[in-house]
Amino acid sequence: MARLKALARKFAETGLPILLVGATGTGKELFAQCIHEWSGCRGPFVDVNCGALPKEMVESLLFGHRRGAFTGAVDGVDGLVTASDGGTLFLDEFSSLPPEAQVKLLRVLETGEVRRVGEAVKRSVRFRVIAAVQDDLDQRLERGDLRLDLYQRVAGLVLGLPPLRARSEDLWALALHFAASAGFQLQPECRLVIEGYHWPANARELKFVVERAGRLSKGASVGAPQVAEAIELGLPPGQVAVQRAARGLRHDLEALLARHGGDVRAAAGELGVSRSTLYERLHTCGVRLRLPRASR
């Protein structure tokens, strides 16, 4: 993340189009806002959730329309592209745009000109584009959901935002930040529960869990039981039992290691498995060995 931040800062002032790739909740919108701020641009930051645009209104909302262009168009309207003139246009989930809108957007990016629906006159616009897409980018290109030429036009710099499970060193710091923002504290014991969960919805899920845990607590200090319950309260019913089983296995493995003073060989002997098998189970359950290398 430090390297991604450094790259984003380095290219922020260039005006180069940037493509952010990552799963939901990895912070693509926040990253885009930071790039806009680092660019020093005084224009607006226009955030467009392309996946939420009504299909029948996509072109009108993006590019605007003249009065009388279609039934109900009682006034001429400038679109979101024109609204970003002099600033940054952030196209979240831009691969969700219909093919016709992708073609028109490509033309706008290539020429710097936009034409409203039902109008012959073109208007010059100047903006920086930052696009975002889920981490299944390759499949979307193969299926044709996203035009290759449009991808190439916005991929001046491609930044892949890693999922939270690949950033275990950030988990506790983020959790403490979310807790402080909500006005309470997490007890140190909460760290084991937080680091033992895989966070499929990433930072957004972590934020919701921490906020729920704060509500479940009777005071300003939150313990591990509240965090564990808060995780379960955000899961589909069928996954609650799985999560509880995983938490129970983790507790059993921690107790096993504690009985043997952290001696993995002895702990594996009690289970009747090889050390490599035990290491694999520890890794799967998120149990970390915090011992010097020589004693493992």
C-alpha atoms as a PDB file:
ATOM      1  CA  MET A   1       0.000   0.000   0.000  1.00  0.00           C
ATOM      2  CA  ALA A   2       2.907   2.359   0.678  1.00  0.00           C
ATOM      3  CA  ARG A   3       4.248   1.691  -2.819  1.00  0.00           C
ATOM      4  CA  LEU A   4       0.810   2.239  -4.372  1.00  0.00           C
ATOM      5  CA  LYS A   5       0.469   5.517  -2.488  1.00  0.00           C
ATOM      6  CA  ALA A   6       3.911   6.637  -3.683  1.00  0.00           C
ATOM      7  CA  LEU A   7       3.042   5.785  -7.295  1.00  0.00           C
ATOM      8  CA  ALA A   8      -0.290   7.573  -7.073  1.00  0.00           C
ATOM      9  CA  ARG A   9       1.399  10.701  -5.702  1.00  0.00           C
ATOM     10  CA  LYS A  10       4.052  10.585  -8.405  1.00  0.00           C
ATOM     11  CA  PHE A  11       1.519  10.404 -11.236  1.00  0.00           C
ATOM     12  CA  ALA A  12      -1.214  12.563  -9.682  1.00  0.00           C
ATOM     13  CA  GLU A  13       0.031  15.810 -11.216  1.00  0.00           C
ATOM     14  CA  THR A  14       0.626  14.352 -14.681  1.00  0.00           C
ATOM     15  CA  GLY A  15      -3.010  14.249 -15.735  1.00  0.00           C
ATOM     16  CA  LEU A  16      -2.475  10.695 -16.988  1.00  0.00           C
ATOM     17  CA  PRO A  17      -5.643   8.552 -16.868  1.00  0.00           C
ATOM     18  CA  ILE A  18      -5.530   6.041 -14.014  1.00  0.00           C
ATOM     19  CA  LEU A  19      -7.295   2.701 -13.689  1.00  0.00           C
ATOM     20  CA  LEU A  20      -7.895   1.269 -10.211  1.00  0.00           C
ATOM     21  CA  VAL A  21      -8.468  -2.479 -10.030  1.00  0.00           C
ATOM     22  CA  GLY A  22      -9.657  -4.214  -6.882  1.00  0.00           C
ATOM     23  CA  ALA A  23     -12.422  -6.093  -5.122  1.00  0.00           C
ATOM     24  CA  THR A  24     -15.282  -4.295  -3.429  1.00  0.00           C
ATOM     25  CA  GLY A  25     -14.304  -2.502  -0.247  1.00  0.00           C
ATOM     26  CA  THR A  26     -10.589  -2.173  -1.086  1.00  0.00           C
ATOM     27  CA  GLY A  27     -10.768   1.633  -1.168  1.00  0.00           C
ATOM     28  CA  LYS A  28     -10.905   2.489  -4.873  1.00  0.00           C
ATOM     29  CA  GLU A  29     -13.096   5.565  -4.387  1.00  0.00           C
ATOM     30  CA  LEU A  30     -10.950   6.824  -1.502  1.00  0.00           C
ATOM     31  CA  PHE A  31      -7.823   6.319  -3.601  1.00  0.00           C
ATOM     32  CA  ALA A  32      -9.399   8.264  -6.464  1.00  0.00           C
ATOM     33  CA  GLN A  33     -10.265  11.154  -4.131  1.00  0.00           C
ATOM     34  CA  CYS A  34      -6.693  11.222  -2.842  1.00  0.00           C
ATOM     35  CA  ILE A  35      -5.272  11.320  -6.379  1.00  0.00           C
ATOM     36  CA  HIS A  36      -7.573  14.240  -7.179  1.00  0.00           C
ATOM     37  CA  GLU A  37      -6.375  16.119  -4.086  1.00  0.00           C
ATOM     38  CA  TRP A  38      -2.712  15.335  -4.741  1.00  0.00           C
ATOM     39  CA  SER A  39      -3.056  16.578  -8.322  1.00  0.00           C
ATOM     40  CA  GLY A  40      -3.568  20.132  -7.106  1.00  0.00           C
ATOM     41  CA  CYS A  41      -6.528  20.438  -9.456  1.00  0.00           C
ATOM     42  CA  ARG A  42      -8.999  23.112  -8.376  1.00  0.00           C
ATOM     43  CA  GLY A  43     -11.877  21.698 -10.391  1.00  0.00           C
ATOM     44  CA  PRO A  44     -14.592  19.387  -9.037  1.00  0.00           C
ATOM     45  CA  PHE A  45     -14.333  15.694  -8.260  1.00  0.00           C
ATOM     46  CA  VAL A  46     -17.325  14.108  -9.997  1.00  0.00           C
ATOM     47  CA  ASP A  47     -18.071  10.604  -8.732  1.00  0.00           C
ATOM     48  CA  VAL A  48     -20.097   8.441 -11.130  1.00  0.00           C
ATOM     49  CA  ASN A  49     -21.269   4.956 -10.141  1.00  0.00           C
ATOM     50  CA  CYS A  50     -21.699   3.565 -13.654  1.00  0.00           C
ATOM     51  CA  GLY A  51     -23.341   0.389 -12.375  1.00  0.00           C
ATOM     52  CA  ALA A  52     -26.168   2.408 -10.788  1.00  0.00           C
ATOM     53  CA  LEU A  53     -27.069   4.455 -13.873  1.00  0.00           C
ATOM     54  CA  PRO A  54     -30.458   3.497 -15.399  1.00  0.00           C
ATOM     55  CA  LYS A  55     -29.712   1.874 -18.760  1.00  0.00           C
ATOM     56  CA  GLU A  56     -32.252   3.974 -20.622  1.00  0.00           C
ATOM     57  CA  MET A  57     -30.747   7.180 -19.186  1.00  0.00           C
ATOM     58  CA  VAL A  58     -27.017   6.429 -19.287  1.00  0.00           C
ATOM     59  CA  GLU A  59     -26.114   8.601 -22.275  1.00  0.00           C
ATOM     60  CA  SER A  60     -28.313  11.469 -21.126  1.00  0.00           C
ATOM     61  CA  LEU A  61     -26.857  11.419 -17.611  1.00  0.00           C
ATOM     62  CA  LEU A  62     -23.265  11.180 -18.813  1.00  0.00           C
ATOM     63  CA  PHE A  63     -23.308  13.466 -21.832  1.00  0.00           C
ATOM     64  CA  GLY A  64     -26.403  15.605 -21.301  1.00  0.00           C
ATOM     65  CA  HIS A  65     -29.311  16.278 -23.671  1.00  0.00           C
ATOM     66  CA  ARG A  66     -30.930  19.196 -25.430  1.00  0.00           C
ATOM     67  CA  ARG A  67     -34.452  20.335 -24.789  1.00  0.00           C
ATOM     68  CA  GLY A  68     -36.966  18.116 -26.594  1.00  0.00           C
ATOM     69  CA  ALA A  69     -34.391  15.402 -27.347  1.00  0.00           C
ATOM     70  CA  PHE A  70     -36.848  12.811 -26.038  1.00  0.00           C
ATOM     71  CA  THR A  71     -40.203  12.611 -24.267  1.00  0.00           C
ATOM     72  CA  GLY A  72     -39.918  14.374 -20.934  1.00  0.00           C
ATOM     73  CA  ALA A  73     -36.835  16.430 -21.859  1.00  0.00           C
ATOM     74  CA  VAL A  74     -38.469  19.775 -21.089  1.00  0.00           C
ATOM     75  CA  ASP A  75     -35.117  21.438 -20.433  1.00  0.00           C
ATOM     76  CA  GLY A  76     -31.611  21.082 -21.814  1.00  0.00           C
ATOM     77  CA  VAL A  77     -29.243  19.475 -19.351  1.00  0.00           C
ATOM     78  CA  ASP A  78     -25.459  19.190 -19.249  1.00  0.00           C
ATOM     79  CA  GLY A  79     -24.229  15.738 -18.273  1.00  0.00           C
ATOM     80  CA  LEU A  80     -21.783  14.505 -15.661  1.00  0.00           C
ATOM     81  CA  VAL A  81     -18.894  14.636 -18.132  1.00  0.00           C
ATOM     82  CA  THR A  82     -19.416  18.360 -18.656  1.00  0.00           C
ATOM     83  CA  ALA A  83     -19.801  18.824 -14.889  1.00  0.00           C
ATOM     84  CA  SER A  84     -16.253  17.483 -14.433  1.00  0.00           C
ATOM     85  CA  ASP A  85     -14.758  20.112 -16.775  1.00  0.00           C
ATOM     86  CA  GLY A  86     -11.580  21.405 -15.172  1.00  0.00           C
ATOM     87  CA  GLY A  87     -11.563  18.612 -12.601  1.00  0.00           C
ATOM     88  CA  THR A  88     -11.637  14.834 -12.228  1.00  0.00           C
ATOM     89  CA  LEU A  89     -14.216  12.384 -13.543  1.00  0.00           C
ATOM     90  CA  PHE A  90     -14.241   9.202 -11.462  1.00  0.00           C
ATOM     91  CA  LEU A  91     -15.954   6.343 -13.302  1.00  0.00           C
ATOM     92  CA  ASP A  92     -16.604   3.618 -10.741  1.00  0.00           C
ATOM     93  CA  GLU A  93     -17.531   0.205 -12.230  1.00  0.00           C
ATOM     94  CA  PHE A  94     -17.123   1.728 -15.692  1.00  0.00           C
ATOM     95  CA  SER A  95     -17.152  -1.718 -17.325  1.00  0.00           C
ATOM     96  CA  SER A  96     -20.885  -1.808 -16.459  1.00  0.00           C
ATOM     97  CA  LEU A  97     -21.625   0.830 -19.097  1.00  0.00           C
ATOM     98  CA  PRO A  98     -23.677  -0.393 -22.081  1.00  0.00           C
ATOM     99  CA  PRO A  99     -21.719  -0.897 -25.346  1.00  0.00           C
ATOM    100  CA  GLU A 100     -23.183   2.245 -26.963  1.00  0.00           C
ATOM    101  CA  ALA A 101     -22.167   4.410 -24.017  1.00  0.00           C
ATOM    102  CA  GLN A 102     -18.681   2.881 -24.018  1.00  0.00           C
ATOM    103  CA  VAL A 103     -18.250   3.862 -27.673  1.00  0.00           C
ATOM    104  CA  LYS A 104     -19.384   7.430 -27.017  1.00  0.00           C
ATOM    105  CA  LEU A 105     -17.221   7.720 -23.893  1.00  0.00           C
ATOM    106  CA  LEU A 106     -14.200   6.505 -25.840  1.00  0.00           C
ATOM    107  CA  ARG A 107     -14.826   9.234 -28.417  1.00  0.00           C
ATOM    108  CA  VAL A 108     -15.046  11.888 -25.716  1.00  0.00           C
ATOM    109  CA  LEU A 109     -11.784  10.734 -24.135  1.00  0.00           C
ATOM    110  CA  GLU A 110     -10.020  10.737 -27.509  1.00  0.00           C
ATOM    111  CA  THR A 111     -11.254  14.116 -28.759  1.00  0.00           C
ATOM    112  CA  GLY A 112     -11.953  16.083 -25.594  1.00  0.00           C
ATOM    113  CA  GLU A 113     -15.349  16.968 -27.011  1.00  0.00           C
ATOM    114  CA  VAL A 114     -18.827  15.988 -25.846  1.00  0.00           C
ATOM    115  CA  ARG A 115     -22.092  16.151 -27.757  1.00  0.00           C
ATOM    116  CA  ARG A 116     -25.371  16.148 -25.886  1.00  0.00           C
ATOM    117  CA  VAL A 117     -28.089  13.713 -26.888  1.00  0.00           C
ATOM    118  CA  GLY A 118     -30.145  15.169 -29.740  1.00  0.00           C
ATOM    119  CA  GLU A 119     -27.655  17.939 -30.431  1.00  0.00           C
ATOM    120  CA  ALA A 120     -25.212  18.412 -33.319  1.00  0.00           C
ATOM    121  CA  VAL A 121     -22.929  20.921 -31.623  1.00  0.00           C
ATOM    122  CA  LYS A 122     -19.848  19.613 -29.843  1.00  0.00           C
ATOM    123  CA  ARG A 123     -18.506  21.192 -26.686  1.00  0.00           C
ATOM    124  CA  SER A 124     -14.917  21.093 -25.518  1.00  0.00           C
ATOM    125  CA  VAL A 125     -14.277  19.556 -22.105  1.00  0.00           C
ATOM    126  CA  ARG A 126     -11.033  19.085 -20.233  1.00  0.00           C
ATOM    127  CA  PHE A 127     -10.882  16.695 -17.329  1.00  0.00           C
ATOM    128  CA  ARG A 128      -8.801  13.966 -15.734  1.00  0.00           C
ATOM    129  CA  VAL A 129     -10.363  10.515 -15.821  1.00  0.00           C
ATOM    130  CA  ILE A 130      -9.907   7.916 -13.096  1.00  0.00           C
ATOM    131  CA  ALA A 131     -11.714   4.637 -13.696  1.00  0.00           C
ATOM    132  CA  ALA A 132     -12.311   1.702 -11.368  1.00  0.00           C
ATOM    133  CA  VAL A 133     -13.207  -1.909 -12.006  1.00  0.00           C
ATOM    134  CA  GLN A 134     -13.533  -5.122 -10.000  1.00  0.00           C
ATOM    135  CA  ASP A 135     -10.627  -7.550  -9.846  1.00  0.00           C
ATOM    136  CA  ASP A 136     -12.188  -9.759 -12.547  1.00  0.00           C
ATOM    137  CA  LEU A 137     -10.908  -7.364 -15.221  1.00  0.00           C
ATOM    138  CA  ASP A 138      -9.404 -10.112 -17.414  1.00  0.00           C
ATOM    139  CA  GLN A 139     -12.700 -12.011 -17.562  1.00  0.00           C
ATOM    140  CA  ARG A 140     -14.640  -8.849 -18.426  1.00  0.00           C
ATOM    141  CA  LEU A 141     -12.287  -8.147 -21.301  1.00  0.00           C
ATOM    142  CA  GLU A 142     -12.549 -11.730 -22.549  1.00  0.00           C
ATOM    143  CA  ARG A 143     -16.365 -11.677 -22.407  1.00  0.00           C
ATOM    144  CA  GLY A 144     -16.468  -8.352 -24.182  1.00  0.00           C
ATOM    145  CA  ASP A 145     -18.192  -6.598 -21.275  1.00  0.00           C
ATOM    146  CA  LEU A 146     -15.456  -3.981 -21.515  1.00  0.00           C
ATOM    147  CA  ARG A 147     -14.125  -2.739 -24.841  1.00  0.00           C
ATOM    148  CA  LEU A 148     -10.394  -3.294 -25.193  1.00  0.00           C
ATOM    149  CA  ASP A 149      -9.848   0.124 -26.789  1.00  0.00           C
ATOM    150  CA  LEU A 150     -11.682   1.839 -23.903  1.00  0.00           C
ATOM    151  CA  TYR A 151      -9.580  -0.097 -21.389  1.00  0.00           C
ATOM    152  CA  GLN A 152      -6.414   0.979 -23.205  1.00  0.00           C
ATOM    153  CA  ARG A 153      -7.597   4.580 -23.185  1.00  0.00           C
ATOM    154  CA  VAL A 154      -8.027   4.731 -19.386  1.00  0.00           C
ATOM    155  CA  ALA A 155      -5.062   2.505 -18.463  1.00  0.00           C
ATOM    156  CA  GLY A 156      -2.415   5.211 -18.481  1.00  0.00           C
ATOM    157  CA  LEU A 157      -1.439   3.824 -15.095  1.00  0.00           C
ATOM    158  CA  VAL A 158      -2.971   0.670 -13.592  1.00  0.00           C
ATOM    159  CA  LEU A 159      -2.962   0.310  -9.814  1.00  0.00           C
ATOM    160  CA  GLY A 160      -4.121  -2.987  -8.313  1.00  0.00           C
ATOM    161  CA  LEU A 161      -5.492  -2.544  -4.786  1.00  0.00           C
ATOM    162  CA  PRO A 162      -4.906  -5.730  -2.740  1.00  0.00           C
ATOM    163  CA  PRO A 163      -7.657  -7.325  -0.647  1.00  0.00           C
ATOM    164  CA  LEU A 164      -7.530  -6.826   3.099  1.00  0.00           C
ATOM    165  CA  ARG A 165      -6.649 -10.484   3.702  1.00  0.00           C
ATOM    166  CA  ALA A 166      -3.349  -9.812   1.886  1.00  0.00           C
ATOM    167  CA  ARG A 167      -2.665  -6.829   4.170  1.00  0.00           C
ATOM    168  CA  SER A 168      -2.732  -8.507   7.561  1.00  0.00           C
ATOM    169  CA  GLU A 169      -0.305  -5.933   8.967  1.00  0.00           C
ATOM    170  CA  ASP A 170      -2.935  -3.231   8.282  1.00  0.00           C
ATOM    171  CA  LEU A 171      -5.874  -4.988   9.931  1.00  0.00           C
ATOM    172  CA  TRP A 172      -5.333  -3.921  13.513  1.00  0.00           C
ATOM    173  CA  ALA A 173      -4.376  -0.347  12.602  1.00  0.00           C
ATOM    174  CA  LEU A 174      -7.527   0.040  10.495  1.00  0.00           C
ATOM    175  CA  ALA A 175      -9.693  -1.478  13.208  1.00  0.00           C
ATOM    176  CA  LEU A 176      -8.297   0.950  15.792  1.00  0.00           C
ATOM    177  CA  HIS A 177      -8.915   3.835  13.394  1.00  0.00           C
ATOM    178  CA  PHE A 178     -12.544   2.841  12.805  1.00  0.00           C
ATOM    179  CA  ALA A 179     -13.101   2.374  16.535  1.00  0.00           C
ATOM    180  CA  ALA A 180     -11.621   5.794  17.372  1.00  0.00           C
ATOM    181  CA  SER A 181     -13.785   7.395  14.683  1.00  0.00           C
ATOM    182  CA  ALA A 182     -16.854   5.819  16.306  1.00  0.00           C
ATOM    183  CA  GLY A 183     -15.822   7.015  19.771  1.00  0.00           C
ATOM    184  CA  PHE A 184     -14.708   3.836  21.556  1.00  0.00           C
ATOM    185  CA  GLN A 185     -11.680   1.594  22.090  1.00  0.00           C
ATOM    186  CA  LEU A 186     -10.854  -1.989  21.200  1.00  0.00           C
ATOM    187  CA  GLN A 187      -9.286  -4.139  23.879  1.00  0.00           C
ATOM    188  CA  PRO A 188      -6.002  -5.830  22.829  1.00  0.00           C
ATOM    189  CA  GLU A 189      -7.703  -9.256  22.912  1.00  0.00           C
ATOM    190  CA  CYS A 190      -9.825  -8.191  19.927  1.00  0.00           C
ATOM    191  CA  ARG A 191      -6.782  -8.396  17.698  1.00  0.00           C
ATOM    192  CA  LEU A 192      -6.817 -12.200  17.647  1.00  0.00           C
ATOM    193  CA  VAL A 193     -10.436 -12.283  16.483  1.00  0.00           C
ATOM    194  CA  ILE A 194      -9.871  -9.617  13.832  1.00  0.00           C
ATOM    195  CA  GLU A 195      -6.721 -11.219  12.435  1.00  0.00           C
ATOM    196  CA  GLY A 196      -8.362 -14.647  12.422  1.00  0.00           C
ATOM    197  CA  TYR A 197     -11.150 -13.628  10.026  1.00  0.00           C
ATOM    198  CA  HIS A 198     -10.707 -13.480   6.221  1.00  0.00           C
ATOM    199  CA  TRP A 199     -12.708 -10.267   5.508  1.00  0.00           C
ATOM    200  CA  PRO A 200     -14.238 -11.070   2.095  1.00  0.00           C
ATOM    201  CA  ALA A 201     -15.763  -7.568   1.816  1.00  0.00           C
ATOM    202  CA  ASN A 202     -12.488  -5.951   2.870  1.00  0.00           C
ATOM    203  CA  ALA A 203     -12.223  -2.599   4.669  1.00  0.00           C
ATOM    204  CA  ARG A 204     -15.917  -1.770   4.297  1.00  0.00           C
ATOM    205  CA  GLU A 205     -16.821  -4.959   6.158  1.00  0.00           C
ATOM    206  CA  LEU A 206     -14.221  -4.267   8.848  1.00  0.00           C
ATOM    207  CA  LYS A 207     -15.661  -0.801   9.398  1.00  0.00           C
ATOM    208  CA  PHE A 208     -19.201  -2.166   9.792  1.00  0.00           C
ATOM    209  CA  VAL A 209     -18.040  -4.930  12.154  1.00  0.00           C
ATOM    210  CA  VAL A 210     -16.191  -2.467  14.391  1.00  0.00           C
ATOM    211  CA  GLU A 211     -19.204  -0.150  14.492  1.00  0.00           C
ATOM    212  CA  ARG A 212     -21.546  -3.054  15.352  1.00  0.00           C
ATOM    213  CA  ALA A 213     -19.162  -4.220  18.071  1.00  0.00           C
ATOM    214  CA  GLY A 214     -19.287  -0.762  19.607  1.00  0.00           C
ATOM    215  CA  ARG A 215     -23.080  -0.915  19.720  1.00  0.00           C
ATOM    216  CA  LEU A 216     -22.985  -4.362  21.332  1.00  0.00           C
ATOM    217  CA  SER A 217     -20.650  -3.194  24.085  1.00  0.00           C
ATOM    218  CA  LYS A 218     -22.071  -1.725  27.265  1.00  0.00           C
ATOM    219  CA  GLY A 219     -19.196   0.705  27.694  1.00  0.00           C
ATOM    220  CA  ALA A 220     -16.559   2.600  25.742  1.00  0.00           C
ATOM    221  CA  SER A 221     -14.256  -0.425  25.652  1.00  0.00           C
ATOM    222  CA  VAL A 222     -15.017  -3.340  23.317  1.00  0.00           C
ATOM    223  CA  GLY A 223     -13.902  -6.915  23.980  1.00  0.00           C
ATOM    224  CA  ALA A 224     -13.319  -9.939  21.767  1.00  0.00           C
ATOM    225  CA  PRO A 225     -16.784 -11.496  22.356  1.00  0.00           C
ATOM    226  CA  GLN A 226     -18.471  -8.369  20.974  1.00  0.00           C
ATOM    227  CA  VAL A 227     -16.222  -8.379  17.886  1.00  0.00           C
ATOM    228  CA  ALA A 228     -16.917 -12.071  17.244  1.00  0.00           C
ATOM    229  CA  GLU A 229     -20.671 -11.491  17.550  1.00  0.00           C
ATOM    230  CA  ALA A 230     -20.433  -8.413  15.314  1.00  0.00           C
ATOM    231  CA  ILE A 231     -18.792 -10.506  12.588  1.00  0.00           C
ATOM    232  CA  GLU A 232     -21.572 -13.098  12.775  1.00  0.00           C
ATOM    233  CA  LEU A 233     -24.268 -10.410  12.602  1.00  0.00           C
ATOM    234  CA  GLY A 234     -23.012  -9.474   9.140  1.00  0.00           C
ATOM    235  CA  LEU A 235     -22.916 -13.001   7.718  1.00  0.00           C
ATOM    236  CA  PRO A 236     -25.592 -14.882   5.761  1.00  0.00           C
ATOM    237  CA  PRO A 237     -27.327 -17.369   8.113  1.00  0.00           C
ATOM    238  CA  GLY A 238     -25.680 -20.378   6.487  1.00  0.00           C
ATOM    239  CA  GLN A 239     -22.183 -19.051   7.176  1.00  0.00           C
ATOM    240  CA  VAL A 240     -22.605 -18.349  10.870  1.00  0.00           C
ATOM    241  CA  ALA A 241     -22.040 -21.980  11.882  1.00  0.00           C
ATOM    242  CA  VAL A 242     -18.935 -22.142   9.665  1.00  0.00           C
ATOM    243  CA  GLN A 243     -17.516 -19.013  11.266  1.00  0.00           C
ATOM    244  CA  ARG A 244     -18.156 -20.334  14.778  1.00  0.00           C
ATOM    245  CA  ALA A 245     -16.494 -23.650  13.921  1.00  0.00           C
ATOM    246  CA  ALA A 246     -13.439 -21.850  12.546  1.00  0.00           C
ATOM    247  CA  ARG A 247     -13.222 -19.688  15.662  1.00  0.00           C
ATOM    248  CA  GLY A 248     -13.485 -22.784  17.854  1.00  0.00           C
ATOM    249  CA  LEU A 249     -10.707 -24.546  15.945  1.00  0.00           C
ATOM    250  CA  ARG A 250      -8.498 -21.493  16.246  1.00  0.00           C
ATOM    251  CA  HIS A 251      -9.077 -21.407  20.013  1.00  0.00           C
ATOM    252  CA  ASP A 252      -8.224 -25.121  20.274  1.00  0.00           C
ATOM    253  CA  LEU A 253      -4.970 -24.676  18.339  1.00  0.00           C
ATOM    254  CA  GLU A 254      -3.949 -21.691  20.465  1.00  0.00           C
ATOM    255  CA  ALA A 255      -4.628 -23.700  23.616  1.00  0.00           C
ATOM    256  CA  LEU A 256      -2.611 -26.621  22.210  1.00  0.00           C
ATOM    257  CA  LEU A 257       0.397 -24.409  21.551  1.00  0.00           C
ATOM    258  CA  ALA A 258       0.063 -22.813  24.981  1.00  0.00           C
ATOM    259  CA  ARG A 259       0.156 -26.246  26.653  1.00  0.00           C
ATOM    260  CA  HIS A 260       3.436 -27.012  24.893  1.00  0.00           C
ATOM    261  CA  GLY A 261       4.981 -23.597  25.384  1.00  0.00           C
ATOM    262  CA  GLY A 262       4.910 -22.887  21.671  1.00  0.00           C
ATOM    263  CA  ASP A 263       6.802 -26.083  20.770  1.00  0.00           C
ATOM    264  CA  VAL A 264       5.345 -26.996  17.385  1.00  0.00           C
ATOM    265  CA  ARG A 265       7.031 -30.415  17.327  1.00  0.00           C
ATOM    266  CA  ALA A 266       5.463 -31.402  20.650  1.00  0.00           C
ATOM    267  CA  ALA A 267       2.071 -29.991  19.661  1.00  0.00           C
ATOM    268  CA  ALA A 268       2.151 -31.926  16.377  1.00  0.00           C
ATOM    269  CA  GLY A 269       3.043 -35.058  18.313  1.00  0.00           C
ATOM    270  CA  GLU A 270      -0.018 -34.689  20.515  1.00  0.00           C
ATOM    271  CA  LEU A 271      -2.231 -34.382  17.439  1.00  0.00           C
ATOM    272  CA  GLY A 272      -0.477 -37.239  15.672  1.00  0.00           C
ATOM    273  CA  VAL A 273       0.328 -35.163  12.577  1.00  0.00           C
ATOM    274  CA  SER A 274       3.516 -33.870  10.961  1.00  0.00           C
ATOM    275  CA  ARG A 275       4.853 -30.414  11.731  1.00  0.00           C
ATOM    276  CA  SER A 276       4.127 -29.304   8.160  1.00  0.00           C
ATOM    277  CA  THR A 277       0.481 -30.336   8.552  1.00  0.00           C
ATOM    278  CA  LEU A 278       0.197 -28.428  11.809  1.00  0.00           C
ATOM    279  CA  TYR A 279       1.833 -25.358  10.261  1.00  0.00           C
ATOM    280  CA  GLU A 280      -0.736 -25.535   7.463  1.00  0.00           C
ATOM    281  CA  ARG A 281      -3.621 -25.699   9.949  1.00  0.00           C
ATOM    282  CA  LEU A 282      -2.185 -22.798  11.925  1.00  0.00           C
ATOM    283  CA  HIS A 283      -1.916 -20.724   8.764  1.00  0.00           C
ATOM    284  CA  THR A 284      -5.450 -21.592   7.642  1.00  0.00           C
ATOM    285  CA  CYS A 285      -6.909 -20.578  11.007  1.00  0.00           C
ATOM    286  CA  GLY A 286      -4.834 -17.409  11.234  1.00  0.00           C
ATOM    287  CA  VAL A 287      -2.837 -18.527  14.279  1.00  0.00           C
ATOM    288  CA  ARG A 288       0.498 -16.754  14.331  1.00  0.00           C
ATOM    289  CA  LEU A 289       3.611 -18.013  16.034  1.00  0.00           C
ATOM    290  CA  ARG A 290       5.158 -15.076  17.826  1.00  0.00           C
ATOM    291  CA  LEU A 291       8.281 -16.931  18.924  1.00  0.00           C
ATOM    292  CA  PRO A 292      11.945 -16.525  17.920  1.00  0.00           C
ATOM    293  CA  ARG A 293      12.807 -18.567  14.846  1.00  0.00           C
ATOM    294  CA  ALA A 294      15.207 -20.778  16.797  1.00  0.00           C
ATOM    295  CA  SER A 295      12.444 -21.967  19.124  1.00  0.00           C
ATOM    296  CA  ARG A 296       9.973 -22.972  16.383  1.00  0.00           C
END
